[in-house]
Protein backbone atom coordinates (compact mmCIF):
# COMPACT_ATOMS: atom_id res chain seq x y z
CA MET A 1 29.46 -2.40 -8.82
CA ARG A 2 28.93 0.75 -6.84
CA ILE A 3 26.47 3.22 -6.63
CA ARG A 4 27.01 6.57 -8.40
CA SER A 5 24.04 9.08 -7.45
CA VAL A 6 20.75 9.33 -5.56
CA GLU A 7 18.61 11.99 -7.25
CA ALA A 8 14.97 12.53 -5.77
CA PHE A 9 12.00 13.66 -7.52
CA PRO A 10 8.93 15.22 -5.69
CA VAL A 11 5.92 14.89 -8.16
CA SER A 12 2.45 15.73 -7.77
CA TYR A 13 -0.61 13.71 -9.94
CA GLN A 14 -3.97 13.59 -10.27
CA GLU A 15 -5.79 10.34 -8.82
CA PRO A 16 -8.79 9.16 -10.62
CA THR A 17 -9.37 6.72 -7.63
CA ASP A 18 -9.17 9.72 -5.25
CA HIS A 19 -11.82 12.10 -6.80
CA ASN A 20 -8.96 13.06 -9.21
CA ARG A 21 -7.37 14.66 -6.59
CA PHE A 22 -3.58 15.75 -6.81
CA ARG A 23 -1.26 13.52 -4.58
CA ALA A 24 2.25 14.00 -3.93
CA VAL A 25 4.76 11.52 -3.84
CA CYS A 26 8.73 11.39 -3.98
CA LEU A 27 10.19 9.65 -6.44
CA VAL A 28 13.67 8.04 -6.47
CA LYS A 29 16.47 7.02 -8.99
CA ILE A 30 19.37 5.27 -8.21
CA THR A 31 21.87 5.12 -10.54
CA SER A 32 25.04 2.98 -10.69
CA GLU A 33 28.72 3.52 -11.64
CA ASP A 34 28.02 1.69 -14.96
CA GLY A 35 24.92 2.67 -16.18
CA HIS A 36 22.06 0.89 -14.29
CA VAL A 37 18.96 2.66 -13.23
CA GLY A 38 16.58 1.29 -9.80
CA TRP A 39 13.72 3.47 -8.97
CA GLY A 40 11.77 3.83 -5.73
CA GLU A 41 9.30 5.56 -3.97
CA GLY A 42 8.91 7.27 -0.94
CA CYS A 43 4.37 8.04 -0.31
CA ALA A 44 3.85 11.46 1.29
CA TYR A 45 0.89 12.14 -0.75
CA PHE A 46 0.76 15.83 0.98
CA PRO A 47 2.59 18.11 -1.06
CA GLU A 48 4.78 19.66 2.04
CA ALA A 49 5.82 16.32 3.29
CA THR A 50 6.88 14.95 -0.46
CA LEU A 51 9.36 18.42 -0.50
CA ALA A 52 10.52 17.38 3.37
CA THR A 53 11.05 13.43 1.97
CA ALA A 54 13.04 14.83 -1.48
CA LYS A 55 15.47 17.26 0.83
CA LEU A 56 15.90 14.07 2.97
CA VAL A 57 16.51 11.58 0.31
CA GLU A 58 19.27 14.32 -1.21
CA GLY A 59 20.88 14.97 2.58
CA LEU A 60 20.76 10.30 3.35
CA ALA A 61 22.82 10.68 -0.60
CA GLU A 62 25.85 10.21 0.92
CA LEU A 63 25.74 7.62 2.97
CA VAL A 64 24.58 5.77 0.08
CA VAL A 65 27.10 6.44 -3.33
CA GLY A 66 30.10 4.91 -3.27
CA GLN A 67 28.51 1.87 -1.71
CA ASN A 68 28.24 -1.71 -3.31
CA VAL A 69 25.22 -2.25 -5.59
CA LEU A 70 24.25 -5.45 -3.41
CA HIS A 71 24.51 -4.43 0.01
CA THR A 72 20.71 -3.48 0.47
CA LYS A 73 20.68 -4.38 3.89
CA SER A 74 23.45 -2.89 5.48
CA ILE A 75 22.70 0.73 3.73
CA TRP A 76 19.06 -0.18 5.06
CA LEU A 77 20.35 -0.18 8.76
CA ALA A 78 22.98 2.98 8.23
CA LEU A 79 20.10 5.18 7.02
CA LYS A 80 17.82 4.13 9.90
CA GLU A 81 21.09 4.48 12.44
CA HIS A 82 21.82 7.90 11.01
CA SER A 83 18.63 9.04 11.12
CA TRP A 84 18.15 8.68 14.81
CA TRP A 85 17.50 12.10 16.15
CA TYR A 86 14.81 13.24 13.52
CA GLY A 87 13.28 9.65 13.06
CA THR A 88 14.26 7.09 15.05
CA ALA A 89 13.01 4.69 12.49
CA ALA A 90 9.54 7.09 11.92
CA GLY A 91 7.78 9.58 10.39
CA ILE A 92 8.93 11.59 7.54
CA ALA A 93 12.37 9.48 7.59
CA SER A 94 10.38 6.38 7.02
CA ILE A 95 8.75 7.62 4.21
CA ALA A 96 12.44 8.76 2.36
CA ILE A 97 14.02 5.54 3.41
CA SER A 98 11.56 3.70 1.98
CA GLY A 99 11.59 5.26 -1.59
CA ILE A 100 15.99 4.36 -0.92
CA ASP A 101 15.00 0.68 0.05
CA ILE A 102 12.90 -0.22 -2.71
CA ALA A 103 15.25 1.82 -5.26
CA LEU A 104 18.14 -0.58 -4.15
CA TRP A 105 16.39 -3.20 -4.55
CA ASP A 106 14.63 -2.76 -8.07
CA LEU A 107 18.43 -1.69 -9.28
CA LYS A 108 20.42 -5.22 -7.51
CA GLY A 109 18.13 -6.50 -9.87
CA LYS A 110 18.88 -4.30 -12.38
CA VAL A 111 22.75 -5.35 -11.97
CA THR A 112 22.13 -9.11 -11.27
CA GLY A 113 19.52 -9.82 -14.14
CA LEU A 114 17.16 -11.60 -10.97
CA SER A 115 13.57 -9.89 -10.33
CA VAL A 116 12.73 -8.40 -6.91
CA LEU A 117 10.88 -11.91 -6.65
CA GLU A 118 13.52 -13.84 -6.92
CA MET A 119 16.02 -12.03 -4.40
CA LEU A 120 13.21 -12.54 -1.87
CA GLY A 121 13.29 -15.82 -2.08
CA GLY A 122 10.88 -16.71 -4.48
CA PRO A 123 7.03 -17.13 -4.94
CA ALA A 124 5.14 -18.40 -1.56
CA HIS A 125 1.39 -19.05 -3.93
CA GLU A 126 0.74 -20.63 -6.44
CA ARG A 127 -1.61 -17.84 -7.62
CA MET A 128 -2.24 -14.20 -5.49
CA PRO A 129 -6.29 -13.14 -5.93
CA ALA A 130 -7.08 -9.45 -6.80
CA ILE A 131 -9.44 -6.85 -5.40
CA ALA A 132 -10.82 -3.56 -6.23
CA SER A 133 -9.38 -0.98 -3.71
CA LEU A 134 -12.08 2.32 -4.46
CA HIS A 135 -13.95 5.08 -2.48
CA GLY A 136 -17.49 5.46 -2.46
CA THR A 137 -18.49 8.46 -4.28
CA LYS A 138 -22.02 9.32 -5.30
CA VAL A 139 -25.28 10.41 -3.73
CA HIS A 140 -27.49 7.50 -4.79
CA ILE A 141 -26.52 3.89 -3.47
CA GLU A 142 -28.03 2.15 -6.63
CA GLU A 143 -25.00 3.89 -9.07
CA MET A 144 -22.53 3.26 -6.80
CA ALA A 145 -23.50 -0.43 -6.72
CA GLU A 146 -23.66 -0.68 -10.04
CA GLU A 147 -19.89 0.92 -10.40
CA ILE A 148 -18.34 -1.33 -8.08
CA SER A 149 -20.07 -5.04 -9.38
CA ALA A 150 -18.59 -3.24 -12.91
CA HIS A 151 -15.24 -3.53 -11.90
CA THR A 152 -15.66 -6.98 -10.07
CA ALA A 153 -17.79 -8.17 -13.44
CA THR A 154 -13.83 -8.34 -14.99
CA GLY A 155 -13.17 -10.85 -12.59
CA LEU A 156 -11.82 -9.22 -9.46
CA HIS A 157 -12.69 -11.22 -6.29
CA GLY A 158 -14.35 -8.66 -4.65
CA ALA A 159 -13.52 -4.93 -3.62
CA LYS A 160 -12.72 -2.76 -0.27
CA VAL A 161 -14.50 0.40 -0.09
CA GLY A 162 -13.74 3.50 2.03
CA PHE A 163 -16.32 5.20 3.28
CA GLY A 164 -14.55 8.21 4.89
CA LYS A 165 -13.67 10.41 1.79
CA ARG A 166 -14.43 13.69 -0.35
CA GLY A 167 -17.55 12.31 -2.82
CA GLU A 168 -21.49 12.85 -1.95
CA ALA A 169 -21.26 9.36 -0.63
CA ASN A 170 -21.95 10.10 3.07
CA LEU A 171 -20.94 6.84 4.11
CA GLY A 172 -20.37 6.02 7.73
CA PHE A 173 -22.20 8.48 8.95
CA GLU A 174 -25.73 6.76 9.24
CA LYS A 175 -26.20 2.86 10.01
CA ASP A 176 -29.60 2.54 7.94
CA ARG A 177 -27.48 3.98 4.79
CA ASP A 178 -24.37 1.75 5.75
CA LEU A 179 -25.90 -1.13 5.59
CA GLU A 180 -28.06 -0.74 2.62
CA PHE A 181 -25.05 0.18 0.64
CA VAL A 182 -23.70 -3.03 2.16
CA ARG A 183 -26.97 -5.04 0.97
CA GLN A 184 -26.72 -3.87 -2.65
CA VAL A 185 -23.15 -3.77 -3.79
CA THR A 186 -23.16 -7.61 -2.63
CA GLU A 187 -25.66 -8.54 -4.18
CA ALA A 188 -24.88 -6.18 -6.98
CA MET A 189 -21.49 -8.01 -6.86
CA GLY A 190 -23.36 -11.48 -7.02
CA PRO A 191 -22.00 -14.55 -5.55
CA GLY A 192 -18.13 -15.08 -4.50
CA LYS A 193 -17.12 -11.75 -4.16
CA SER A 194 -16.02 -10.30 -0.96
CA LEU A 195 -17.22 -6.93 0.43
CA MET A 196 -14.23 -5.01 2.81
CA VAL A 197 -15.11 -1.73 4.41
CA ASP A 198 -12.52 0.96 5.17
CA LEU A 199 -13.95 3.44 7.45
CA GLY A 200 -11.13 5.78 6.31
CA VAL A 201 -9.93 9.00 7.79
CA LYS A 202 -12.71 11.32 7.52
CA ASN A 203 -15.38 9.53 10.22
CA LYS A 204 -15.00 8.93 13.48
CA TRP A 205 -16.23 5.88 15.38
CA ASP A 206 -16.44 5.51 18.87
CA ILE A 207 -16.30 2.21 20.61
CA ALA A 208 -20.34 1.93 21.07
CA THR A 209 -20.69 2.73 17.31
CA ALA A 210 -17.82 0.55 16.37
CA ILE A 211 -19.11 -2.54 17.51
CA SER A 212 -22.74 -2.12 16.17
CA ARG A 213 -21.45 -1.59 12.81
CA ALA A 214 -19.30 -4.29 13.36
CA LYS A 215 -21.94 -6.63 14.42
CA ALA A 216 -24.68 -5.31 11.41
CA PHE A 217 -21.96 -5.42 9.22
CA GLU A 218 -21.01 -9.36 10.11
CA GLU A 219 -24.39 -10.46 9.62
CA LEU A 220 -24.59 -9.16 6.31
CA GLY A 221 -20.98 -11.17 5.03
CA VAL A 222 -18.52 -8.30 5.45
CA ALA A 223 -15.04 -9.58 4.93
CA TRP A 224 -13.18 -7.00 6.94
CA LEU A 225 -13.80 -3.77 8.60
CA GLU A 226 -10.87 -1.90 8.43
CA GLU A 227 -9.68 1.14 10.67
CA PRO A 228 -13.00 1.17 12.22
CA LEU A 229 -11.58 2.85 15.51
CA GLY A 230 -8.62 4.59 13.69
CA HIS A 231 -4.68 3.55 13.35
CA ASP A 232 -3.68 3.21 17.22
CA ASP A 233 -6.88 2.31 20.16
CA PRO A 234 -5.44 -1.07 21.46
CA GLU A 235 -7.93 -1.04 24.49
CA GLY A 236 -10.60 0.28 21.98
CA TYR A 237 -10.08 -2.75 20.26
CA LYS A 238 -9.76 -5.36 22.49
CA ALA A 239 -13.18 -4.23 23.25
CA LEU A 240 -14.19 -4.53 19.56
CA ARG A 241 -13.01 -7.70 19.29
CA ALA A 242 -14.64 -9.11 22.37
CA ALA A 243 -17.64 -7.80 21.29
CA SER A 244 -18.16 -9.22 17.42
CA GLY A 245 -16.38 -11.70 14.91
CA ILE A 246 -15.73 -9.14 12.21
CA ARG A 247 -11.87 -10.00 11.15
CA ILE A 248 -10.50 -6.49 12.08
CA ALA A 249 -7.76 -4.80 9.63
CA TYR A 250 -5.67 -1.71 10.32
CA GLY A 251 -1.55 -1.27 10.44
CA GLU A 252 -1.22 0.67 7.29
CA ARG A 253 0.01 3.46 9.63
CA GLU A 254 2.62 1.58 11.04
CA TRP A 255 6.68 3.39 9.96
CA ASN A 256 7.87 0.21 10.36
CA ALA A 257 8.31 -3.85 11.01
CA LYS A 258 8.26 -3.04 14.77
CA GLY A 259 5.55 -1.15 14.98
CA VAL A 260 3.77 -3.57 12.95
CA LYS A 261 4.72 -6.29 15.79
CA ARG A 262 3.41 -4.09 18.61
CA ILE A 263 -0.16 -4.32 17.31
CA VAL A 264 -0.06 -8.20 15.87
CA ASP A 265 1.04 -8.70 19.77
CA THR A 266 -1.97 -6.96 20.54
CA GLY A 267 -4.72 -9.46 19.70
CA THR A 268 -6.67 -6.91 17.97
CA VAL A 269 -6.05 -7.22 14.97
CA ASP A 270 -6.50 -9.79 11.43
CA VAL A 271 -5.50 -8.18 8.87
CA VAL A 272 -2.49 -6.00 8.90
CA GLY A 273 -2.06 -2.94 6.66
CA ILE A 274 1.04 -2.81 5.12
CA ASP A 275 2.89 0.26 2.29
CA PRO A 276 5.83 -0.82 1.06
CA GLY A 277 6.25 3.38 -0.03
CA ARG A 278 6.33 4.40 4.03
CA ILE A 279 7.69 0.82 6.29
CA GLU A 280 10.85 1.49 5.01
CA GLY A 281 10.36 0.03 1.56
CA ILE A 282 10.46 -3.53 0.83
CA THR A 283 13.47 -4.44 3.44
CA GLY A 284 10.94 -3.06 6.08
CA PHE A 285 7.80 -4.30 4.35
CA GLN A 286 9.16 -8.06 4.34
CA MET A 287 10.15 -7.64 8.29
CA ALA A 288 6.77 -7.07 8.99
CA ALA A 289 5.29 -9.23 6.83
CA GLU A 290 7.59 -12.11 8.57
CA PHE A 291 5.62 -11.10 11.75
CA CYS A 292 2.15 -11.69 10.81
CA ALA A 293 3.37 -15.04 8.87
CA MET A 294 4.36 -16.20 12.87
CA SER A 295 1.08 -15.01 14.44
CA ASN A 296 -0.65 -16.49 11.66
CA ARG A 297 -1.71 -12.48 10.82
CA GLN A 298 -2.63 -11.82 7.23
CA ALA A 299 -0.63 -9.32 5.62
CA ASN A 300 -1.80 -7.44 2.83
CA ALA A 301 -0.17 -4.37 0.59
CA HIS A 302 -1.74 -0.70 0.40
CA ASN A 303 -0.83 -0.54 -2.86
CA PHE A 304 -2.96 2.87 -3.43
CA SER A 305 -0.09 4.71 -5.45
CA THR A 306 2.06 4.54 -8.43
CA ALA A 307 2.95 2.10 -10.45
CA ILE A 308 6.84 1.89 -8.78
CA VAL A 309 4.96 1.10 -5.45
CA GLY A 310 2.60 -1.32 -7.49
CA ALA A 311 5.18 -3.46 -8.67
CA ALA A 312 7.07 -3.10 -4.94
CA SER A 313 3.53 -4.75 -3.77
CA GLN A 314 3.47 -7.34 -6.55
CA ALA A 315 6.49 -8.86 -5.73
CA LEU A 316 6.01 -8.96 -2.22
CA SER A 317 2.63 -10.25 -1.96
CA TRP A 318 3.86 -12.87 -4.52
CA ALA A 319 7.01 -13.49 -1.78
CA SER A 320 5.18 -13.31 1.68
CA PRO A 321 3.41 -16.22 2.47
CA ALA A 322 1.17 -13.87 5.19
CA CYS A 323 -0.13 -12.10 2.04
CA LYS A 324 -3.13 -13.54 0.61
CA LEU A 325 -4.37 -11.22 -2.37
CA LEU A 326 -3.75 -7.86 -3.71
CA GLU A 327 -5.84 -4.77 -4.14
CA LEU A 328 -5.58 -3.14 -7.10
CA GLN A 329 -7.17 0.69 -8.02
CA PRO A 330 -10.00 -0.06 -10.60
CA VAL A 331 -8.84 3.03 -12.62
CA TYR A 332 -5.74 3.48 -13.57
CA GLY A 333 -4.15 7.73 -14.10
CA PRO A 334 -1.02 8.89 -15.83
CA ALA A 335 0.64 7.47 -12.22
CA GLN A 336 -0.30 4.18 -13.13
CA LYS A 337 -0.85 3.53 -16.72
CA ASP A 338 1.42 5.63 -18.28
CA LEU A 339 4.42 5.64 -15.64
CA VAL A 340 6.06 2.84 -16.59
CA ASP A 341 5.94 0.08 -19.60
CA LYS A 342 4.21 -2.49 -17.68
CA PRO A 343 1.61 -1.48 -15.11
CA ILE A 344 0.76 -4.22 -12.64
CA TRP A 345 -2.81 -5.28 -13.37
CA HIS A 346 -4.75 -9.01 -13.27
CA GLU A 347 -6.15 -11.82 -15.72
CA ASN A 348 -9.37 -13.06 -14.62
CA GLY A 349 -8.89 -11.55 -11.17
CA PHE A 350 -5.49 -12.69 -10.59
CA VAL A 351 -2.49 -10.78 -10.11
CA PRO A 352 0.14 -12.00 -12.33
CA MET A 353 3.89 -13.27 -11.13
CA PRO A 354 6.55 -10.48 -11.65
CA GLU A 355 8.69 -11.43 -14.56
CA GLY A 356 12.46 -9.11 -15.27
CA PRO A 357 15.28 -8.11 -12.98
CA GLY A 358 14.14 -6.06 -10.14
CA LEU A 359 10.98 -4.46 -10.39
CA GLY A 360 10.49 -6.11 -13.51
CA ILE A 361 9.15 -1.98 -14.62
CA GLU A 362 10.93 0.82 -16.69
CA VAL A 363 10.40 4.47 -16.27
CA ASN A 364 8.92 6.71 -18.10
CA GLU A 365 11.09 9.83 -16.71
CA ASP A 366 9.65 12.56 -19.51
CA LEU A 367 6.46 11.97 -17.24
CA ILE A 368 8.16 12.38 -14.31
CA LEU A 369 9.97 15.80 -15.60
CA SER A 370 6.28 16.96 -16.42
CA ALA A 371 4.92 16.29 -12.90
CA LYS A 372 8.40 17.30 -11.01
CA MET A 373 7.46 19.89 -8.21
CA GLU A 374 9.26 23.05 -7.07
């Protein structure tokens, strides 16, 4: 069975979990000669990067068309080798490869009748807990605590809250406010719920500030502190590791499995964020998660995009022993609830095992065409 066509769809959509701002991603459709279809996604997020990703996908298509549908790994390797000058396994090249690779795995499953989880070797877990992934937005801490606890009351096992984003929360700047936020949210969620703090990209902490917050958060029971020193500060993270026992998370901005191995080898990360729409797809995620598992580090899918990356994150999290939970956006917009027929969700706080061939979803192409960027 051969591949007939590769199509790129740069789309823009409003994201309710991110202050309703417009996000952009490049969706990829790959069709076999007999009409089977696979869908993938490259998470470029910004309009200019998404349009550039679409051009790369269109250019890389000639390496994919005519290839055997089952040869996902050899196609992945060919794409990486071809982009040596403008990607070197990084940048927008990795995002384009991600979209193609996810679509190839979905297509292979549609042709064979196997799910991506089955093709990855089957489940590594008996259950997959889910947490809410969201941002602080409001002026009053009491309102944020009420909102977050309402989400976790549905059964979710906790919440990861981004500090440095849009909105009026003003988190990550004043220590007393940060600590009061943690206290009120933890109390509102009640026992047995975990709180993770993600500094985000708006705030910039120096090492002393990071150490001070980490120590205080650790005393208050914060489960992990994400990117307190950004994505690439090995010396700073060594100092933070020496000063505090809190679990440290970062890694979602790495482009490939080699980058994940590099930060794991520093000994400064406990939870490694990995985005299948950025880290060279399902193939790249699987390799990166294996590095985490071999080093006894937790891998965590950065599942904060459309339902296509959501389906890939679901399958990969179930398949990898390094993945211990799955983040879900607690409020879905059209890119999650309307894009596919079976958007990923939880049942009493647990994400069900994926079923059906490929990613197990059927995509609403009319919605994609209505959201396409020109």
